[in-house]
């Protein structure tokens, strides 16, 4: 496993490390979406600051976005903070954003955990 998941009262923090594959991202996303705590959270932070490689394609991110978009009817609002300095992660995140247009799930990229936490906790 290349990720750890930490839950708190308001959200979830997923930390990735090493070589991140599509299956890793799908597994982490499935775990978050299927967890009983998901209904009570307001944010998700996906931390890619400590990765060696991000092997996610446009097709892969479409699968993840499809999973998330299916949740938007029951979970209308969600903030998703992406922590990264990696240009490929930023590119793929913009593709995710395009897929999520029309929903109230908002994604924003940050380079520090402090900035991400400030944004997800702001009204």
PDB file of N, CA and C in Angstrom:
ATOM      1  N   UNK A   1       0.848  -1.173   0.000  1.00  0.00           N
ATOM      2  CA  UNK A   1       0.000   0.000   0.000  1.00  0.00           C
ATOM      3  C   UNK A   1       0.895   1.239   0.000  1.00  0.00           C
ATOM      4  N   UNK A   2       0.579   2.197  -0.840  1.00  0.00           N
ATOM      5  CA  UNK A   2       1.372   3.415  -0.927  1.00  0.00           C
ATOM      6  C   UNK A   2       0.651   4.603  -0.297  1.00  0.00           C
ATOM      7  N   UNK A   3      -0.348   4.344   0.533  1.00  0.00           N
ATOM      8  CA  UNK A   3      -1.069   5.462   1.143  1.00  0.00           C
ATOM      9  C   UNK A   3      -1.496   5.124   2.565  1.00  0.00           C
ATOM     10  N   UNK A   4      -1.670   6.179   3.362  1.00  0.00           N
ATOM     11  CA  UNK A   4      -2.232   6.078   4.709  1.00  0.00           C
ATOM     12  C   UNK A   4      -3.426   7.013   4.761  1.00  0.00           C
ATOM     13  N   UNK A   5      -4.458   6.610   5.475  1.00  0.00           N
ATOM     14  CA  UNK A   5      -5.671   7.418   5.580  1.00  0.00           C
ATOM     15  C   UNK A   5      -5.912   7.750   7.043  1.00  0.00           C
ATOM     16  N   UNK A   6      -6.071   9.044   7.316  1.00  0.00           N
ATOM     17  CA  UNK A   6      -6.334   9.524   8.676  1.00  0.00           C
ATOM     18  C   UNK A   6      -7.642  10.311   8.674  1.00  0.00           C
ATOM     19  N   UNK A   7      -8.565   9.882   9.535  1.00  0.00           N
ATOM     20  CA  UNK A   7      -9.864  10.533   9.633  1.00  0.00           C
ATOM     21  C   UNK A   7      -9.880  11.469  10.829  1.00  0.00           C
ATOM     22  N   UNK A   8     -10.596  12.590  10.696  1.00  0.00           N
ATOM     23  CA  UNK A   8     -10.934  13.391  11.855  1.00  0.00           C
ATOM     24  C   UNK A   8     -12.421  13.719  11.749  1.00  0.00           C
ATOM     25  N   UNK A   9     -12.913  14.533  12.646  1.00  0.00           N
ATOM     26  CA  UNK A   9     -14.344  14.810  12.710  1.00  0.00           C
ATOM     27  C   UNK A   9     -14.888  15.457  11.436  1.00  0.00           C
ATOM     28  N   UNK A  10     -14.103  16.312  10.809  1.00  0.00           N
ATOM     29  CA  UNK A  10     -14.563  17.085   9.660  1.00  0.00           C
ATOM     30  C   UNK A  10     -14.125  16.542   8.307  1.00  0.00           C
ATOM     31  N   UNK A  11     -13.094  15.686   8.290  1.00  0.00           N
ATOM     32  CA  UNK A  11     -12.592  15.250   6.999  1.00  0.00           C
ATOM     33  C   UNK A  11     -11.620  14.096   7.059  1.00  0.00           C
ATOM     34  N   UNK A  12     -10.984  13.884   5.920  1.00  0.00           N
ATOM     35  CA  UNK A  12     -10.047  12.774   5.792  1.00  0.00           C
ATOM     36  C   UNK A  12      -8.774  13.293   5.130  1.00  0.00           C
ATOM     37  N   UNK A  13      -7.631  12.761   5.576  1.00  0.00           N
ATOM     38  CA  UNK A  13      -6.317  13.145   5.069  1.00  0.00           C
ATOM     39  C   UNK A  13      -5.665  11.882   4.530  1.00  0.00           C
ATOM     40  N   UNK A  14      -5.417  11.859   3.228  1.00  0.00           N
ATOM     41  CA  UNK A  14      -4.823  10.683   2.577  1.00  0.00           C
ATOM     42  C   UNK A  14      -3.414  11.061   2.134  1.00  0.00           C
ATOM     43  N   UNK A  15      -2.426  10.359   2.662  1.00  0.00           N
ATOM     44  CA  UNK A  15      -1.025  10.633   2.346  1.00  0.00           C
ATOM     45  C   UNK A  15      -0.486   9.522   1.452  1.00  0.00           C
ATOM     46  N   UNK A  16      -0.013   9.899   0.278  1.00  0.00           N
ATOM     47  CA  UNK A  16       0.584   8.954  -0.665  1.00  0.00           C
ATOM     48  C   UNK A  16       2.098   9.061  -0.594  1.00  0.00           C
ATOM     49  N   UNK A  17       2.776   7.952  -0.912  1.00  0.00           N
ATOM     50  CA  UNK A  17       4.231   7.950  -0.965  1.00  0.00           C
ATOM     51  C   UNK A  17       4.681   6.939  -2.018  1.00  0.00           C
ATOM     52  N   UNK A  18       5.905   7.097  -2.467  1.00  0.00           N
ATOM     53  CA  UNK A  18       6.453   6.159  -3.448  1.00  0.00           C
ATOM     54  C   UNK A  18       5.871   6.369  -4.827  1.00  0.00           C
ATOM     55  N   UNK A  19       5.705   5.273  -5.549  1.00  0.00           N
ATOM     56  CA  UNK A  19       5.144   5.285  -6.901  1.00  0.00           C
ATOM     57  C   UNK A  19       3.640   5.070  -6.814  1.00  0.00           C
ATOM     58  N   UNK A  20       2.874   6.068  -7.179  1.00  0.00           N
ATOM     59  CA  UNK A  20       1.416   6.009  -7.081  1.00  0.00           C
ATOM     60  C   UNK A  20       0.852   5.549  -8.421  1.00  0.00           C
ATOM     61  N   UNK A  21       0.126   4.438  -8.382  1.00  0.00           N
ATOM     62  CA  UNK A  21      -0.506   3.891  -9.583  1.00  0.00           C
ATOM     63  C   UNK A  21      -1.996   4.209  -9.567  1.00  0.00           C
ATOM     64  N   UNK A  22      -2.628   3.948 -10.696  1.00  0.00           N
ATOM     65  CA  UNK A  22      -4.080   4.136 -10.785  1.00  0.00           C
ATOM     66  C   UNK A  22      -4.788   3.287  -9.740  1.00  0.00           C
ATOM     67  N   UNK A  23      -4.336   2.060  -9.557  1.00  0.00           N
ATOM     68  CA  UNK A  23      -4.982   1.182  -8.579  1.00  0.00           C
ATOM     69  C   UNK A  23      -4.867   1.734  -7.168  1.00  0.00           C
ATOM     70  N   UNK A  24      -3.719   2.338  -6.835  1.00  0.00           N
ATOM     71  CA  UNK A  24      -3.554   2.959  -5.517  1.00  0.00           C
ATOM     72  C   UNK A  24      -4.578   4.070  -5.307  1.00  0.00           C
ATOM     73  N   UNK A  25      -4.723   4.924  -6.306  1.00  0.00           N
ATOM     74  CA  UNK A  25      -5.655   6.039  -6.203  1.00  0.00           C
ATOM     75  C   UNK A  25      -7.099   5.537  -6.124  1.00  0.00           C
ATOM     76  N   UNK A  26      -7.435   4.555  -6.935  1.00  0.00           N
ATOM     77  CA  UNK A  26      -8.783   3.969  -6.918  1.00  0.00           C
ATOM     78  C   UNK A  26      -9.055   3.299  -5.574  1.00  0.00           C
ATOM     79  N   UNK A  27      -8.081   2.553  -5.057  1.00  0.00           N
ATOM     80  CA  UNK A  27      -8.247   1.895  -3.758  1.00  0.00           C
ATOM     81  C   UNK A  27      -8.479   2.904  -2.640  1.00  0.00           C
ATOM     82  N   UNK A  28      -7.664   3.974  -2.627  1.00  0.00           N
ATOM     83  CA  UNK A  28      -7.820   5.002  -1.593  1.00  0.00           C
ATOM     84  C   UNK A  28      -9.190   5.666  -1.712  1.00  0.00           C
ATOM     85  N   UNK A  29      -9.585   5.985  -2.931  1.00  0.00           N
ATOM     86  CA  UNK A  29     -10.876   6.633  -3.150  1.00  0.00           C
ATOM     87  C   UNK A  29     -12.030   5.719  -2.736  1.00  0.00           C
ATOM     88  N   UNK A  30     -11.956   4.458  -3.105  1.00  0.00           N
ATOM     89  CA  UNK A  30     -12.983   3.492  -2.692  1.00  0.00           C
ATOM     90  C   UNK A  30     -13.078   3.397  -1.176  1.00  0.00           C
ATOM     91  N   UNK A  31     -11.932   3.370  -0.516  1.00  0.00           N
ATOM     92  CA  UNK A  31     -11.925   3.279   0.937  1.00  0.00           C
ATOM     93  C   UNK A  31     -12.615   4.490   1.553  1.00  0.00           C
ATOM     94  N   UNK A  32     -12.315   5.673   1.038  1.00  0.00           N
ATOM     95  CA  UNK A  32     -12.928   6.899   1.567  1.00  0.00           C
ATOM     96  C   UNK A  32     -14.437   6.899   1.312  1.00  0.00           C
ATOM     97  N   UNK A  33     -14.836   6.631   0.074  1.00  0.00           N
ATOM     98  CA  UNK A  33     -16.259   6.688  -0.284  1.00  0.00           C
ATOM     99  C   UNK A  33     -17.102   5.641   0.431  1.00  0.00           C
ATOM    100  N   UNK A  34     -16.522   4.490   0.723  1.00  0.00           N
ATOM    101  CA  UNK A  34     -17.292   3.404   1.341  1.00  0.00           C
ATOM    102  C   UNK A  34     -17.247   3.419   2.866  1.00  0.00           C
ATOM    103  N   UNK A  35     -16.443   4.284   3.452  1.00  0.00           N
ATOM    104  CA  UNK A  35     -16.324   4.346   4.902  1.00  0.00           C
ATOM    105  C   UNK A  35     -17.574   4.996   5.501  1.00  0.00           C
ATOM    106  N   UNK A  36     -18.011   4.480   6.629  1.00  0.00           N
ATOM    107  CA  UNK A  36     -19.205   5.016   7.302  1.00  0.00           C
ATOM    108  C   UNK A  36     -19.045   6.492   7.671  1.00  0.00           C
ATOM    109  N   UNK A  37     -17.832   6.952   7.877  1.00  0.00           N
ATOM    110  CA  UNK A  37     -17.591   8.357   8.234  1.00  0.00           C
ATOM    111  C   UNK A  37     -17.765   9.310   7.065  1.00  0.00           C
ATOM    112  N   UNK A  38     -17.811   8.797   5.843  1.00  0.00           N
ATOM    113  CA  UNK A  38     -17.858   9.662   4.665  1.00  0.00           C
ATOM    114  C   UNK A  38     -19.031  10.636   4.693  1.00  0.00           C
ATOM    115  N   UNK A  39     -20.184  10.189   5.131  1.00  0.00           N
ATOM    116  CA  UNK A  39     -21.383  11.042   5.119  1.00  0.00           C
ATOM    117  C   UNK A  39     -21.255  12.249   6.027  1.00  0.00           C
ATOM    118  N   UNK A  40     -20.381  12.194   7.024  1.00  0.00           N
ATOM    119  CA  UNK A  40     -20.292  13.294   7.989  1.00  0.00           C
ATOM    120  C   UNK A  40     -19.125  14.245   7.734  1.00  0.00           C
ATOM    121  N   UNK A  41     -18.323  13.999   6.704  1.00  0.00           N
ATOM    122  CA  UNK A  41     -17.159  14.856   6.474  1.00  0.00           C
ATOM    123  C   UNK A  41     -17.447  15.966   5.464  1.00  0.00           C
ATOM    124  N   UNK A  42     -16.621  17.014   5.527  1.00  0.00           N
ATOM    125  CA  UNK A  42     -16.764  18.162   4.637  1.00  0.00           C
ATOM    126  C   UNK A  42     -15.602  18.303   3.660  1.00  0.00           C
ATOM    127  N   UNK A  43     -14.510  17.589   3.931  1.00  0.00           N
ATOM    128  CA  UNK A  43     -13.341  17.750   3.074  1.00  0.00           C
ATOM    129  C   UNK A  43     -12.524  16.464   2.963  1.00  0.00           C
ATOM    130  N   UNK A  44     -11.711  16.450   1.903  1.00  0.00           N
ATOM    131  CA  UNK A  44     -10.722  15.407   1.690  1.00  0.00           C
ATOM    132  C   UNK A  44      -9.420  16.104   1.313  1.00  0.00           C
ATOM    133  N   UNK A  45      -8.321  15.694   1.924  1.00  0.00           N
ATOM    134  CA  UNK A  45      -7.008  16.204   1.548  1.00  0.00           C
ATOM    135  C   UNK A  45      -6.206  15.022   1.008  1.00  0.00           C
ATOM    136  N   UNK A  46      -5.752  15.161  -0.228  1.00  0.00           N
ATOM    137  CA  UNK A  46      -4.917  14.139  -0.864  1.00  0.00           C
ATOM    138  C   UNK A  46      -3.507  14.704  -0.974  1.00  0.00           C
ATOM    139  N   UNK A  47      -2.589  14.134  -0.215  1.00  0.00           N
ATOM    140  CA  UNK A  47      -1.223  14.633  -0.099  1.00  0.00           C
ATOM    141  C   UNK A  47      -0.290  13.821  -1.001  1.00  0.00           C
ATOM    142  N   UNK A  48       0.205  14.480  -2.046  1.00  0.00           N
ATOM    143  CA  UNK A  48       1.148  13.862  -2.988  1.00  0.00           C
ATOM    144  C   UNK A  48       2.533  14.498  -2.880  1.00  0.00           C
ATOM    145  N   UNK A  49       2.843  15.104  -1.743  1.00  0.00           N
ATOM    146  CA  UNK A  49       4.128  15.784  -1.583  1.00  0.00           C
ATOM    147  C   UNK A  49       5.310  14.818  -1.477  1.00  0.00           C
ATOM    148  N   UNK A  50       5.063  13.578  -1.081  1.00  0.00           N
ATOM    149  CA  UNK A  50       6.158  12.637  -0.824  1.00  0.00           C
ATOM    150  C   UNK A  50       6.190  11.478  -1.814  1.00  0.00           C
ATOM    151  N   UNK A  51       5.697  11.722  -3.017  1.00  0.00           N
ATOM    152  CA  UNK A  51       5.678  10.647  -4.011  1.00  0.00           C
ATOM    153  C   UNK A  51       6.945  10.683  -4.861  1.00  0.00           C
ATOM    154  N   UNK A  52       7.268   9.523  -5.420  1.00  0.00           N
ATOM    155  CA  UNK A  52       8.390   9.423  -6.359  1.00  0.00           C
ATOM    156  C   UNK A  52       7.899   9.525  -7.798  1.00  0.00           C
ATOM    157  N   UNK A  53       6.707   8.954  -8.053  1.00  0.00           N
ATOM    158  CA  UNK A  53       6.153   8.964  -9.402  1.00  0.00           C
ATOM    159  C   UNK A  53       4.636   8.896  -9.310  1.00  0.00           C
ATOM    160  N   UNK A  54       3.958   9.502 -10.284  1.00  0.00           N
ATOM    161  CA  UNK A  54       2.493   9.549 -10.332  1.00  0.00           C
ATOM    162  C   UNK A  54       2.083   8.959 -11.671  1.00  0.00           C
ATOM    163  N   UNK A  55       1.741   7.676 -11.666  1.00  0.00           N
ATOM    164  CA  UNK A  55       1.462   6.941 -12.898  1.00  0.00           C
ATOM    165  C   UNK A  55      -0.038   6.905 -13.188  1.00  0.00           C
ATOM    166  N   UNK A  56      -0.653   8.088 -13.216  1.00  0.00           N
ATOM    167  CA  UNK A  56      -2.089   8.212 -13.429  1.00  0.00           C
ATOM    168  C   UNK A  56      -2.308   8.858 -14.796  1.00  0.00           C
ATOM    169  N   UNK A  57      -3.154   8.251 -15.595  1.00  0.00           N
ATOM    170  CA  UNK A  57      -3.452   8.773 -16.931  1.00  0.00           C
ATOM    171  C   UNK A  57      -4.784   9.520 -16.917  1.00  0.00           C
ATOM    172  N   UNK A  58      -5.103  10.157 -18.034  1.00  0.00           N
ATOM    173  CA  UNK A  58      -6.399  10.818 -18.186  1.00  0.00           C
ATOM    174  C   UNK A  58      -7.539   9.824 -18.009  1.00  0.00           C
ATOM    175  N   UNK A  59      -7.386   8.635 -18.564  1.00  0.00           N
ATOM    176  CA  UNK A  59      -8.407   7.591 -18.416  1.00  0.00           C
ATOM    177  C   UNK A  59      -8.590   7.227 -16.942  1.00  0.00           C
ATOM    178  N   UNK A  60      -7.488   7.077 -16.222  1.00  0.00           N
ATOM    179  CA  UNK A  60      -7.551   6.703 -14.802  1.00  0.00           C
ATOM    180  C   UNK A  60      -8.296   7.752 -13.981  1.00  0.00           C
ATOM    181  N   UNK A  61      -8.001   9.033 -14.226  1.00  0.00           N
ATOM    182  CA  UNK A  61      -8.638  10.077 -13.426  1.00  0.00           C
ATOM    183  C   UNK A  61     -10.114  10.193 -13.778  1.00  0.00           C
ATOM    184  N   UNK A  62     -10.480   9.839 -14.991  1.00  0.00           N
ATOM    185  CA  UNK A  62     -11.894   9.822 -15.362  1.00  0.00           C
ATOM    186  C   UNK A  62     -12.639   8.761 -14.554  1.00  0.00           C
ATOM    187  N   UNK A  63     -12.005   7.624 -14.311  1.00  0.00           N
ATOM    188  CA  UNK A  63     -12.622   6.582 -13.479  1.00  0.00           C
ATOM    189  C   UNK A  63     -12.862   7.098 -12.058  1.00  0.00           C
ATOM    190  N   UNK A  64     -11.857   7.754 -11.490  1.00  0.00           N
ATOM    191  CA  UNK A  64     -11.992   8.290 -10.138  1.00  0.00           C
ATOM    192  C   UNK A  64     -13.068   9.378 -10.107  1.00  0.00           C
ATOM    193  N   UNK A  65     -13.065  10.253 -11.090  1.00  0.00           N
ATOM    194  CA  UNK A  65     -14.067  11.320 -11.144  1.00  0.00           C
ATOM    195  C   UNK A  65     -15.481  10.750 -11.300  1.00  0.00           C
ATOM    196  N   UNK A  66     -15.615   9.690 -12.058  1.00  0.00           N
ATOM    197  CA  UNK A  66     -16.919   9.035 -12.212  1.00  0.00           C
ATOM    198  C   UNK A  66     -17.402   8.499 -10.869  1.00  0.00           C
ATOM    199  N   UNK A  67     -16.487   7.892 -10.108  1.00  0.00           N
ATOM    200  CA  UNK A  67     -16.831   7.397  -8.772  1.00  0.00           C
ATOM    201  C   UNK A  67     -17.319   8.556  -7.896  1.00  0.00           C
ATOM    202  N   UNK A  68     -16.582   9.666  -7.932  1.00  0.00           N
ATOM    203  CA  UNK A  68     -16.934  10.804  -7.094  1.00  0.00           C
ATOM    204  C   UNK A  68     -18.222  11.474  -7.548  1.00  0.00           C
ATOM    205  N   UNK A  69     -18.375  11.639  -8.844  1.00  0.00           N
ATOM    206  CA  UNK A  69     -19.579  12.311  -9.361  1.00  0.00           C
ATOM    207  C   UNK A  69     -20.835  11.537  -8.966  1.00  0.00           C
ATOM    208  N   UNK A  70     -20.725  10.212  -8.888  1.00  0.00           N
ATOM    209  CA  UNK A  70     -21.887   9.407  -8.483  1.00  0.00           C
ATOM    210  C   UNK A  70     -22.284   9.676  -7.030  1.00  0.00           C
ATOM    211  N   UNK A  71     -21.372  10.233  -6.236  1.00  0.00           N
ATOM    212  CA  UNK A  71     -21.657  10.535  -4.833  1.00  0.00           C
ATOM    213  C   UNK A  71     -22.267  11.925  -4.635  1.00  0.00           C
ATOM    214  N   UNK A  72     -22.240  12.753  -5.675  1.00  0.00           N
ATOM    215  CA  UNK A  72     -22.645  14.151  -5.502  1.00  0.00           C
ATOM    216  C   UNK A  72     -24.139  14.333  -5.254  1.00  0.00           C
ATOM    217  N   UNK A  73     -24.940  13.350  -5.591  1.00  0.00           N
ATOM    218  CA  UNK A  73     -26.374  13.475  -5.312  1.00  0.00           C
ATOM    219  C   UNK A  73     -26.663  13.314  -3.832  1.00  0.00           C
ATOM    220  N   UNK A  74     -25.963  12.395  -3.170  1.00  0.00           N
ATOM    221  CA  UNK A  74     -26.203  12.181  -1.740  1.00  0.00           C
ATOM    222  C   UNK A  74     -25.288  13.042  -0.876  1.00  0.00           C
ATOM    223  N   UNK A  75     -24.128  13.385  -1.393  1.00  0.00           N
ATOM    224  CA  UNK A  75     -23.165  14.232  -0.673  1.00  0.00           C
ATOM    225  C   UNK A  75     -22.907  15.444  -1.557  1.00  0.00           C
ATOM    226  N   UNK A  76     -23.765  16.465  -1.404  1.00  0.00           N
ATOM    227  CA  UNK A  76     -23.775  17.569  -2.356  1.00  0.00           C
ATOM    228  C   UNK A  76     -22.518  18.424  -2.341  1.00  0.00           C
ATOM    229  N   UNK A  77     -21.966  18.707  -1.162  1.00  0.00           N
ATOM    230  CA  UNK A  77     -20.811  19.600  -1.073  1.00  0.00           C
ATOM    231  C   UNK A  77     -19.600  18.854  -0.516  1.00  0.00           C
ATOM    232  N   UNK A  78     -18.445  19.144  -1.125  1.00  0.00           N
ATOM    233  CA  UNK A  78     -17.195  18.551  -0.654  1.00  0.00           C
ATOM    234  C   UNK A  78     -16.062  19.436  -1.133  1.00  0.00           C
ATOM    235  N   UNK A  79     -15.077  19.633  -0.270  1.00  0.00           N
ATOM    236  CA  UNK A  79     -13.843  20.307  -0.658  1.00  0.00           C
ATOM    237  C   UNK A  79     -12.754  19.244  -0.758  1.00  0.00           C
ATOM    238  N   UNK A  80     -12.026  19.289  -1.862  1.00  0.00           N
ATOM    239  CA  UNK A  80     -10.927  18.352  -2.062  1.00  0.00           C
ATOM    240  C   UNK A  80      -9.662  19.165  -2.285  1.00  0.00           C
ATOM    241  N   UNK A  81      -8.745  19.077  -1.324  1.00  0.00           N
ATOM    242  CA  UNK A  81      -7.467  19.770  -1.422  1.00  0.00           C
ATOM    243  C   UNK A  81      -6.417  18.782  -1.922  1.00  0.00           C
ATOM    244  N   UNK A  82      -5.666  19.202  -2.918  1.00  0.00           N
ATOM    245  CA  UNK A  82      -4.586  18.389  -3.477  1.00  0.00           C
ATOM    246  C   UNK A  82      -3.275  19.048  -3.069  1.00  0.00           C
ATOM    247  N   UNK A  83      -2.430  18.308  -2.372  1.00  0.00           N
ATOM    248  CA  UNK A  83      -1.111  18.804  -1.992  1.00  0.00           C
ATOM    249  C   UNK A  83      -0.092  18.253  -2.969  1.00  0.00           C
ATOM    250  N   UNK A  84       0.566  19.149  -3.703  1.00  0.00           N
ATOM    251  CA  UNK A  84       1.559  18.694  -4.672  1.00  0.00           C
ATOM    252  C   UNK A  84       2.415  19.850  -5.161  1.00  0.00           C
ATOM    253  N   UNK A  85       3.608  19.495  -5.614  1.00  0.00           N
ATOM    254  CA  UNK A  85       4.457  20.419  -6.363  1.00  0.00           C
ATOM    255  C   UNK A  85       4.745  19.814  -7.742  1.00  0.00           C
ATOM    256  N   UNK A  86       4.155  18.657  -7.994  1.00  0.00           N
ATOM    257  CA  UNK A  86       4.380  17.879  -9.216  1.00  0.00           C
ATOM    258  C   UNK A  86       3.461  18.380 -10.339  1.00  0.00           C
ATOM    259  N   UNK A  87       4.038  18.762 -11.475  1.00  0.00           N
ATOM    260  CA  UNK A  87       3.250  19.295 -12.589  1.00  0.00           C
ATOM    261  C   UNK A  87       2.277  18.284 -13.177  1.00  0.00           C
ATOM    262  N   UNK A  88       2.655  17.005 -13.221  1.00  0.00           N
ATOM    263  CA  UNK A  88       1.748  15.990 -13.761  1.00  0.00           C
ATOM    264  C   UNK A  88       0.515  15.839 -12.858  1.00  0.00           C
ATOM    265  N   UNK A  89       0.715  15.860 -11.552  1.00  0.00           N
ATOM    266  CA  UNK A  89      -0.417  15.782 -10.617  1.00  0.00           C
ATOM    267  C   UNK A  89      -1.332  16.990 -10.839  1.00  0.00           C
ATOM    268  N   UNK A  90      -0.753  18.173 -11.030  1.00  0.00           N
ATOM    269  CA  UNK A  90      -1.550  19.379 -11.278  1.00  0.00           C
ATOM    270  C   UNK A  90      -2.354  19.251 -12.567  1.00  0.00           C
ATOM    271  N   UNK A  91      -1.743  18.717 -13.620  1.00  0.00           N
ATOM    272  CA  UNK A  91      -2.445  18.513 -14.898  1.00  0.00           C
ATOM    273  C   UNK A  91      -3.633  17.578 -14.745  1.00  0.00           C
ATOM    274  N   UNK A  92      -3.393  16.449 -14.105  1.00  0.00           N
ATOM    275  CA  UNK A  92      -4.448  15.442 -13.927  1.00  0.00           C
ATOM    276  C   UNK A  92      -5.569  16.008 -13.057  1.00  0.00           C
ATOM    277  N   UNK A  93      -5.212  16.789 -12.044  1.00  0.00           N
ATOM    278  CA  UNK A  93      -6.221  17.405 -11.186  1.00  0.00           C
ATOM    279  C   UNK A  93      -7.119  18.341 -11.985  1.00  0.00           C
ATOM    280  N   UNK A  94      -6.554  19.053 -12.944  1.00  0.00           N
ATOM    281  CA  UNK A  94      -7.388  19.945 -13.765  1.00  0.00           C
ATOM    282  C   UNK A  94      -8.365  19.144 -14.621  1.00  0.00           C
ATOM    283  N   UNK A  95      -7.965  17.952 -15.038  1.00  0.00           N
ATOM    284  CA  UNK A  95      -8.887  17.085 -15.784  1.00  0.00           C
ATOM    285  C   UNK A  95     -10.024  16.610 -14.877  1.00  0.00           C
ATOM    286  N   UNK A  96      -9.703  16.294 -13.628  1.00  0.00           N
ATOM    287  CA  UNK A  96     -10.721  15.912 -12.645  1.00  0.00           C
ATOM    288  C   UNK A  96     -11.711  17.067 -12.470  1.00  0.00           C
ATOM    289  N   UNK A  97     -11.181  18.294 -12.332  1.00  0.00           N
ATOM    290  CA  UNK A  97     -12.038  19.476 -12.174  1.00  0.00           C
ATOM    291  C   UNK A  97     -13.027  19.607 -13.321  1.00  0.00           C
ATOM    292  N   UNK A  98     -12.558  19.400 -14.539  1.00  0.00           N
ATOM    293  CA  UNK A  98     -13.428  19.515 -15.720  1.00  0.00           C
ATOM    294  C   UNK A  98     -14.571  18.509 -15.658  1.00  0.00           C
ATOM    295  N   UNK A  99     -14.283  17.313 -15.200  1.00  0.00           N
ATOM    296  CA  UNK A  99     -15.300  16.272 -15.100  1.00  0.00           C
ATOM    297  C   UNK A  99     -16.346  16.614 -14.037  1.00  0.00           C
ATOM    298  N   UNK A 100     -15.918  17.301 -12.986  1.00  0.00           N
ATOM    299  CA  UNK A 100     -16.805  17.588 -11.850  1.00  0.00           C
ATOM    300  C   UNK A 100     -17.611  18.878 -12.022  1.00  0.00           C
ATOM    301  N   UNK A 101     -17.459  19.565 -13.155  1.00  0.00           N
ATOM    302  CA  UNK A 101     -18.237  20.780 -13.402  1.00  0.00           C
ATOM    303  C   UNK A 101     -19.728  20.456 -13.277  1.00  0.00           C
ATOM    304  N   UNK A 102     -20.430  21.345 -12.611  1.00  0.00           N
ATOM    305  CA  UNK A 102     -21.863  21.143 -12.396  1.00  0.00           C
ATOM    306  C   UNK A 102     -22.172  20.602 -11.018  1.00  0.00           C
ATOM    307  N   UNK A 103     -21.149  20.181 -10.288  1.00  0.00           N
ATOM    308  CA  UNK A 103     -21.365  19.707  -8.922  1.00  0.00           C
ATOM    309  C   UNK A 103     -20.823  20.756  -7.951  1.00  0.00           C
ATOM    310  N   UNK A 104     -21.131  20.588  -6.671  1.00  0.00           N
ATOM    311  CA  UNK A 104     -20.598  21.474  -5.637  1.00  0.00           C
ATOM    312  C   UNK A 104     -19.378  20.859  -4.948  1.00  0.00           C
ATOM    313  N   UNK A 105     -18.701  19.976  -5.644  1.00  0.00           N
ATOM    314  CA  UNK A 105     -17.438  19.448  -5.152  1.00  0.00           C
ATOM    315  C   UNK A 105     -16.342  20.339  -5.717  1.00  0.00           C
ATOM    316  N   UNK A 106     -15.597  20.998  -4.837  1.00  0.00           N
ATOM    317  CA  UNK A 106     -14.568  21.961  -5.234  1.00  0.00           C
ATOM    318  C   UNK A 106     -13.184  21.383  -4.979  1.00  0.00           C
ATOM    319  N   UNK A 107     -12.305  21.569  -5.927  1.00  0.00           N
ATOM    320  CA  UNK A 107     -10.929  21.091  -5.822  1.00  0.00           C
ATOM    321  C   UNK A 107      -9.978  22.270  -5.925  1.00  0.00           C
ATOM    322  N   UNK A 108      -8.948  22.246  -5.097  1.00  0.00           N
ATOM    323  CA  UNK A 108      -7.936  23.290  -5.155  1.00  0.00           C
ATOM    324  C   UNK A 108      -6.575  22.667  -4.848  1.00  0.00           C
ATOM    325  N   UNK A 109      -5.538  23.185  -5.518  1.00  0.00           N
ATOM    326  CA  UNK A 109      -4.183  22.666  -5.353  1.00  0.00           C
ATOM    327  C   UNK A 109      -3.399  23.567  -4.401  1.00  0.00           C
ATOM    328  N   UNK A 110      -2.633  22.922  -3.511  1.00  0.00           N
ATOM    329  CA  UNK A 110      -1.789  23.631  -2.550  1.00  0.00           C
ATOM    330  C   UNK A 110      -0.412  22.996  -2.523  1.00  0.00           C
ATOM    331  N   UNK A 111       0.558  23.785  -2.078  1.00  0.00           N
ATOM    332  CA  UNK A 111       1.917  23.261  -1.939  1.00  0.00           C
ATOM    333  C   UNK A 111       2.294  23.023  -0.489  1.00  0.00           C
ATOM    334  N   UNK A 112       1.436  23.453   0.457  1.00  0.00           N
ATOM    335  CA  UNK A 112       1.686  23.187   1.881  1.00  0.00           C
ATOM    336  C   UNK A 112       0.420  22.661   2.543  1.00  0.00           C
ATOM    337  N   UNK A 113       0.618  21.818   3.535  1.00  0.00           N
ATOM    338  CA  UNK A 113      -0.512  21.265   4.286  1.00  0.00           C
ATOM    339  C   UNK A 113      -1.237  22.370   5.056  1.00  0.00           C
ATOM    340  N   UNK A 114      -0.502  23.343   5.549  1.00  0.00           N
ATOM    341  CA  UNK A 114      -1.110  24.432   6.315  1.00  0.00           C
ATOM    342  C   UNK A 114      -2.115  25.207   5.461  1.00  0.00           C
ATOM    343  N   UNK A 115      -1.722  25.536   4.242  1.00  0.00           N
ATOM    344  CA  UNK A 115      -2.631  26.264   3.341  1.00  0.00           C
ATOM    345  C   UNK A 115      -3.860  25.431   3.005  1.00  0.00           C
ATOM    346  N   UNK A 116      -3.665  24.143   2.766  1.00  0.00           N
ATOM    347  CA  UNK A 116      -4.785  23.255   2.444  1.00  0.00           C
ATOM    348  C   UNK A 116      -5.754  23.166   3.614  1.00  0.00           C
ATOM    349  N   UNK A 117      -5.234  23.002   4.814  1.00  0.00           N
ATOM    350  CA  UNK A 117      -6.088  22.902   6.004  1.00  0.00           C
ATOM    351  C   UNK A 117      -6.865  24.195   6.248  1.00  0.00           C
ATOM    352  N   UNK A 118      -6.211  25.329   6.002  1.00  0.00           N
ATOM    353  CA  UNK A 118      -6.891  26.611   6.166  1.00  0.00           C
ATOM    354  C   UNK A 118      -8.081  26.712   5.199  1.00  0.00           C
ATOM    355  N   UNK A 119      -7.881  26.296   3.934  1.00  0.00           N
ATOM    356  CA  UNK A 119      -8.934  26.370   2.931  1.00  0.00           C
ATOM    357  C   UNK A 119     -10.086  25.418   3.258  1.00  0.00           C
ATOM    358  N   UNK A 120      -9.773  24.173   3.621  1.00  0.00           N
ATOM    359  CA  UNK A 120     -10.866  23.214   3.864  1.00  0.00           C
ATOM    360  C   UNK A 120     -11.673  23.578   5.108  1.00  0.00           C
ATOM    361  N   UNK A 121     -11.053  24.284   6.042  1.00  0.00           N
ATOM    362  CA  UNK A 121     -11.764  24.660   7.267  1.00  0.00           C
ATOM    363  C   UNK A 121     -12.477  25.996   7.160  1.00  0.00           C
ATOM    364  N   UNK A 122     -12.252  26.734   6.074  1.00  0.00           N
ATOM    365  CA  UNK A 122     -12.939  28.012   5.870  1.00  0.00           C
ATOM    366  C   UNK A 122     -14.362  27.738   5.375  1.00  0.00           C
ATOM    367  N   UNK A 123     -15.259  28.605   5.745  1.00  0.00           N
ATOM    368  CA  UNK A 123     -16.648  28.459   5.277  1.00  0.00           C
ATOM    369  C   UNK A 123     -16.694  28.848   3.881  1.00  0.00           C
TER     370      UNK A 123
END
